[in-house]
Protein backbone atom coordinates (compact mmCIF):
# COMPACT_ATOMS: atom_id res chain seq x y z
CA UNK A 1 11.49 8.70 -4.10
CA UNK A 2 13.48 10.44 -1.05
CA UNK A 3 13.04 8.72 1.63
CA UNK A 4 11.89 12.05 4.11
CA UNK A 5 9.41 12.13 0.65
CA UNK A 6 8.37 9.13 2.49
CA UNK A 7 8.15 9.83 6.21
CA UNK A 8 6.36 13.45 5.20
CA UNK A 9 3.46 11.73 3.81
CA UNK A 10 3.61 8.65 6.13
CA UNK A 11 3.26 11.76 8.42
CA UNK A 12 0.09 13.85 6.77
CA UNK A 13 -1.59 10.26 5.79
CA UNK A 14 -1.51 9.38 9.54
CA UNK A 15 -3.30 12.63 10.03
CA UNK A 16 -6.06 12.26 7.09
CA UNK A 17 -6.79 8.40 8.25
CA UNK A 18 -6.93 10.37 12.69
CA UNK A 19 -9.13 13.27 11.22
CA UNK A 20 -12.08 10.28 8.84
CA UNK A 21 -11.62 8.21 12.14
CA UNK A 22 -13.14 11.33 14.27
CA UNK A 23 -15.61 11.60 12.00
CA UNK A 24 -16.78 8.03 11.66
CA UNK A 25 -18.99 5.54 13.21
CA UNK A 26 -16.18 2.80 15.19
CA UNK A 27 -18.66 0.39 14.17
CA UNK A 28 -19.30 1.39 10.58
CA UNK A 29 -18.88 -1.16 7.58
CA UNK A 30 -15.59 -0.61 5.83
CA UNK A 31 -16.85 -0.96 2.29
CA UNK A 32 -12.92 -1.44 0.32
CA UNK A 33 -12.33 -4.42 3.56
CA UNK A 34 -15.70 -6.13 3.94
CA UNK A 35 -14.39 -8.42 6.97
CA UNK A 36 -13.40 -4.78 8.72
CA UNK A 37 -15.72 -1.71 11.01
CA UNK A 38 -13.72 0.98 11.04
CA UNK A 39 -12.70 -0.18 15.16
CA UNK A 40 -10.34 -2.92 12.93
CA UNK A 41 -9.29 -1.15 10.26
CA UNK A 42 -8.07 1.17 13.13
CA UNK A 43 -6.37 -1.77 15.22
CA UNK A 44 -5.06 -3.33 11.63
CA UNK A 45 -2.92 0.43 11.13
CA UNK A 46 -2.13 1.14 14.30
CA UNK A 47 -0.35 -2.25 15.07
CA UNK A 48 1.16 -2.09 11.69
CA UNK A 49 3.43 1.10 12.56
CA UNK A 50 3.61 -0.27 16.05
CA UNK A 51 5.33 -3.80 14.19
CA UNK A 52 7.17 -1.74 12.06
CA UNK A 53 8.29 0.75 14.43
CA UNK A 54 10.00 -2.13 16.38
CA UNK A 55 12.22 -3.40 13.38
CA UNK A 56 13.15 -0.03 12.76
CA UNK A 57 14.12 1.46 16.61
CA UNK A 58 15.07 -1.62 17.76
CA UNK A 59 17.80 -2.33 14.67
CA UNK A 60 16.14 -5.72 14.91
CA UNK A 61 17.55 -8.50 11.81
CA UNK A 62 15.22 -10.83 11.86
CA UNK A 63 11.62 -11.77 11.43
CA UNK A 64 10.04 -12.75 14.71
CA UNK A 65 9.02 -10.57 17.66
CA UNK A 66 5.06 -10.18 18.72
CA UNK A 67 2.47 -10.32 16.10
CA UNK A 68 -0.32 -8.16 15.70
CA UNK A 69 -2.59 -9.15 17.64
CA UNK A 70 -0.02 -9.40 20.49
CA UNK A 71 0.90 -5.62 19.98
CA UNK A 72 -2.65 -4.53 19.57
CA UNK A 73 -3.65 -6.43 22.62
CA UNK A 74 -7.54 -5.85 23.32
CA UNK A 75 -6.73 -2.52 21.43
CA UNK A 76 -8.16 0.90 22.74
CA UNK A 77 -11.85 1.70 23.22
CA UNK A 78 -13.79 3.78 20.38
CA UNK A 79 -13.15 6.50 22.08
CA UNK A 80 -9.60 6.66 21.71
CA UNK A 81 -9.11 5.24 18.01
CA UNK A 82 -7.88 8.34 17.01
CA UNK A 83 -5.40 9.10 19.48
CA UNK A 84 -4.25 5.74 19.22
CA UNK A 85 -3.67 5.80 15.46
CA UNK A 86 -2.25 9.43 16.06
CA UNK A 87 0.46 7.71 18.58
CA UNK A 88 1.29 4.57 16.91
CA UNK A 89 1.67 6.99 13.16
CA UNK A 90 3.89 9.91 15.90
CA UNK A 91 5.87 6.93 17.29
CA UNK A 92 6.82 5.38 13.72
CA UNK A 93 7.99 8.83 12.01
CA UNK A 94 9.75 9.48 14.67
CA UNK A 95 11.90 6.03 14.41
CA UNK A 96 12.21 6.82 10.74
CA UNK A 97 13.27 10.27 11.32
CA UNK A 98 16.15 9.39 14.08
CA UNK A 99 17.38 6.08 12.16
CA UNK A 100 20.67 6.24 10.44
CA UNK A 101 21.14 6.18 6.67
CA UNK A 102 22.87 2.65 6.99
CA UNK A 103 19.84 1.02 9.50
CA UNK A 104 20.10 -2.46 9.23
CA UNK A 105 17.70 -4.62 9.93
CA UNK A 106 15.07 -7.16 8.79
CA UNK A 107 13.17 -6.38 5.72
CA UNK A 108 10.72 -7.75 2.91
CA UNK A 109 10.59 -6.05 0.08
CA UNK A 110 13.42 -4.92 -1.89
CA UNK A 111 14.55 -1.69 -1.92
CA UNK A 112 17.62 0.59 -1.62
CA UNK A 113 18.47 0.37 2.07
CA UNK A 114 16.35 -0.90 4.84
CA UNK A 115 15.30 2.73 6.13
CA UNK A 116 14.11 3.49 2.24
CA UNK A 117 12.19 0.03 2.37
CA UNK A 118 10.15 0.70 5.80
CA UNK A 119 10.04 4.84 5.14
CA UNK A 120 8.05 3.18 1.49
CA UNK A 121 5.67 0.48 3.09
CA UNK A 122 4.49 2.60 5.90
CA UNK A 123 3.76 5.55 3.66
CA UNK A 124 2.00 3.70 0.97
CA UNK A 125 0.35 0.96 3.60
CA UNK A 126 -1.06 3.74 5.86
CA UNK A 127 -2.54 6.04 2.67
CA UNK A 128 -4.16 2.74 1.24
CA UNK A 129 -5.80 2.61 4.71
CA UNK A 130 -7.03 6.74 4.49
CA UNK A 131 -8.58 5.58 1.97
CA UNK A 132 -10.61 2.70 3.45
CA UNK A 133 -11.06 5.65 6.34
CA UNK A 134 -12.35 7.64 3.84
CA UNK A 135 -14.87 5.64 2.47
CA UNK A 136 -16.32 4.09 5.43
CA UNK A 137 -16.57 7.76 6.78
CA UNK A 138 -18.64 9.33 3.75
CA UNK A 139 -16.22 11.96 2.84
CA UNK A 140 -14.50 13.27 0.01
CA UNK A 141 -11.22 11.08 -0.53
CA UNK A 142 -8.04 13.06 -0.84
CA UNK A 143 -5.88 13.00 -4.18
CA UNK A 144 -2.59 11.91 -3.97
CA UNK A 145 0.37 13.69 -5.65
CA UNK A 146 0.97 12.41 -9.12
CA UNK A 147 4.58 11.05 -8.33
CA UNK A 148 3.68 9.74 -5.28
CA UNK A 149 1.03 7.51 -6.37
CA UNK A 150 2.98 6.51 -9.75
CA UNK A 151 5.60 4.87 -6.24
CA UNK A 152 2.64 2.99 -4.74
CA UNK A 153 1.93 1.95 -8.26
CA UNK A 154 6.15 0.75 -9.07
CA UNK A 155 6.19 -0.26 -5.48
CA UNK A 156 2.91 -2.95 -6.35
CA UNK A 157 3.87 -3.31 -9.86
CA UNK A 158 8.30 -4.12 -8.90
CA UNK A 159 8.32 -5.33 -5.69
CA UNK A 160 4.99 -6.76 -4.14
CA UNK A 161 3.24 -9.05 -7.29
CA UNK A 162 6.39 -10.88 -8.23
CA UNK A 163 7.42 -12.35 -5.08
CA UNK A 164 7.89 -16.23 -5.03
CA UNK A 165 4.33 -16.04 -3.12
CA UNK A 166 2.41 -14.20 -5.56
CA UNK A 167 -1.50 -15.50 -6.92
CA UNK A 168 -0.78 -13.63 -10.13
CA UNK A 169 -0.32 -16.87 -12.36
CA UNK A 170 -1.39 -17.06 -15.90
CA UNK A 171 -1.26 -21.02 -17.67
CA UNK A 172 -0.74 -19.01 -21.09
CA UNK A 173 1.83 -16.56 -20.77
CA UNK A 174 0.47 -13.19 -21.17
CA UNK A 175 1.36 -9.58 -20.68
CA UNK A 176 0.13 -6.22 -19.15
CA UNK A 177 1.43 -3.34 -19.38
CA UNK A 178 0.61 -0.21 -17.19
CA UNK A 179 0.85 3.14 -18.86
CA UNK A 180 0.56 6.67 -16.43
CA UNK A 181 -1.00 9.25 -18.29
CA UNK A 182 0.14 12.62 -15.99
CA UNK A 183 3.87 10.69 -15.17
CA UNK A 184 6.50 9.18 -17.03
CA UNK A 185 6.04 6.09 -15.40
CA UNK A 186 5.50 2.54 -16.92
CA UNK A 187 5.16 -1.25 -16.59
CA UNK A 188 4.81 -4.37 -18.27
CA UNK A 189 3.88 -7.68 -16.69
CA UNK A 190 5.15 -11.32 -17.99
CA UNK A 191 2.79 -13.59 -16.49
CA UNK A 192 3.44 -17.22 -16.58
CA UNK A 193 2.67 -20.26 -15.24
CA UNK A 194 6.02 -19.80 -12.41
CA UNK A 195 4.71 -16.02 -11.19
CA UNK A 196 5.46 -12.34 -12.37
CA UNK A 197 8.10 -10.82 -13.91
CA UNK A 198 7.51 -6.97 -14.40
CA UNK A 199 10.44 -4.96 -16.03
CA UNK A 200 10.29 -1.37 -17.15
CA UNK A 201 7.78 1.02 -20.21
CA UNK A 202 5.04 -0.55 -21.99
CA UNK A 203 5.54 -3.14 -24.53
CA UNK A 204 3.73 -2.47 -27.48
CA UNK A 205 3.33 -6.24 -27.82
CA UNK A 206 0.95 -6.58 -24.17
CA UNK A 207 -2.02 -8.07 -24.52
CA UNK A 208 -3.52 -5.52 -22.52
CA UNK A 209 -2.94 -2.45 -21.96
CA UNK A 210 -3.87 -0.18 -19.27
CA UNK A 211 -3.87 3.94 -19.29
CA UNK A 212 -4.83 6.05 -16.76
CA UNK A 213 -3.49 9.37 -14.29
CA UNK A 214 -0.67 7.73 -11.31
CA UNK A 215 -3.61 8.53 -8.76
CA UNK A 216 -6.44 6.33 -10.38
CA UNK A 217 -4.19 3.27 -11.37
CA UNK A 218 -2.96 3.84 -7.53
CA UNK A 219 -6.60 3.43 -6.70
CA UNK A 220 -7.39 0.54 -8.91
CA UNK A 221 -4.93 -1.45 -8.80
CA UNK A 222 -4.75 -1.68 -5.12
CA UNK A 223 -8.62 -2.29 -5.33
CA UNK A 224 -9.31 0.57 -3.93
CA UNK A 225 -11.42 1.99 -7.01
CA UNK A 226 -12.53 -0.05 -9.76
CA UNK A 227 -11.41 0.72 -13.51
CA UNK A 228 -13.92 2.55 -14.89
CA UNK A 229 -11.17 5.58 -14.90
CA UNK A 230 -9.23 3.83 -16.68
CA UNK A 231 -7.72 3.26 -20.99
CA UNK A 232 -7.96 -0.53 -21.36
CA UNK A 233 -6.89 -1.51 -24.58
CA UNK A 234 -6.58 -5.12 -25.55
CA UNK A 235 -7.53 -8.54 -23.93
CA UNK A 236 -9.46 -6.96 -20.75
CA UNK A 237 -9.66 -10.18 -19.55
CA UNK A 238 -5.81 -10.15 -18.13
CA UNK A 239 -6.34 -6.74 -16.79
CA UNK A 240 -9.64 -9.13 -14.54
CA UNK A 241 -7.11 -11.53 -13.92
CA UNK A 242 -4.63 -8.81 -12.20
CA UNK A 243 -7.86 -7.80 -10.15
CA UNK A 244 -8.99 -10.91 -9.34
CA UNK A 245 -5.46 -12.27 -7.98
CA UNK A 246 -3.69 -9.47 -6.62
CA UNK A 247 -4.98 -8.25 -3.21
CA UNK A 248 -2.76 -7.24 -0.72
CA UNK A 249 -3.91 -7.47 2.76
CA UNK A 250 -1.24 -5.76 4.80
CA UNK A 251 2.66 -5.65 5.46
């Protein structure tokens, strides 16, 4: 997806999240983040937006600088949560929009460029936490455009999961195939004791093949919905292993 598309998604997802926060009790629990109340979710997301803005706007080439706790400080009062969230989102959108295409700064996931990585990562970070906010507010969860959802699945499976720090390992090597029903996109994860290698396409020799709409896969694989909407063929324990071990908290 183009950088501009990710920036537009960040903008719209940030507004949807802020709107959900406005209709919530700040102390309400977030079902998909059991350790957080709504105010914690907002402080996290607003902090991440400001943290990312520091790298993009400052063209910082090394990891470091203020951590989230320092960036957030005491955080906004409950009455100011939605506005504070909007401010951070708008600042990040502005920084990404103003950044040159050849921006050089620190990144932590593979991407065509630093600008592409930050726009993509923050669009999906915000989208997933928007879902958290809507679930906490007990409102309807807005659906995702299939192409955007498939892009989020790709980021997870091809960029996050194969990192050396992954907890997704299998003592006995196995394969998990993931296939979108409404978008031409599929992946096969090769799991062994060293970690994960992800290749495009749904391998016919996978021990487990999971099929669903891009939106359903996006929510399920990011642990925001159960797998009930997915079609599971083969050894379901391979999918269970994925859902148990892959829990990306932030960034």
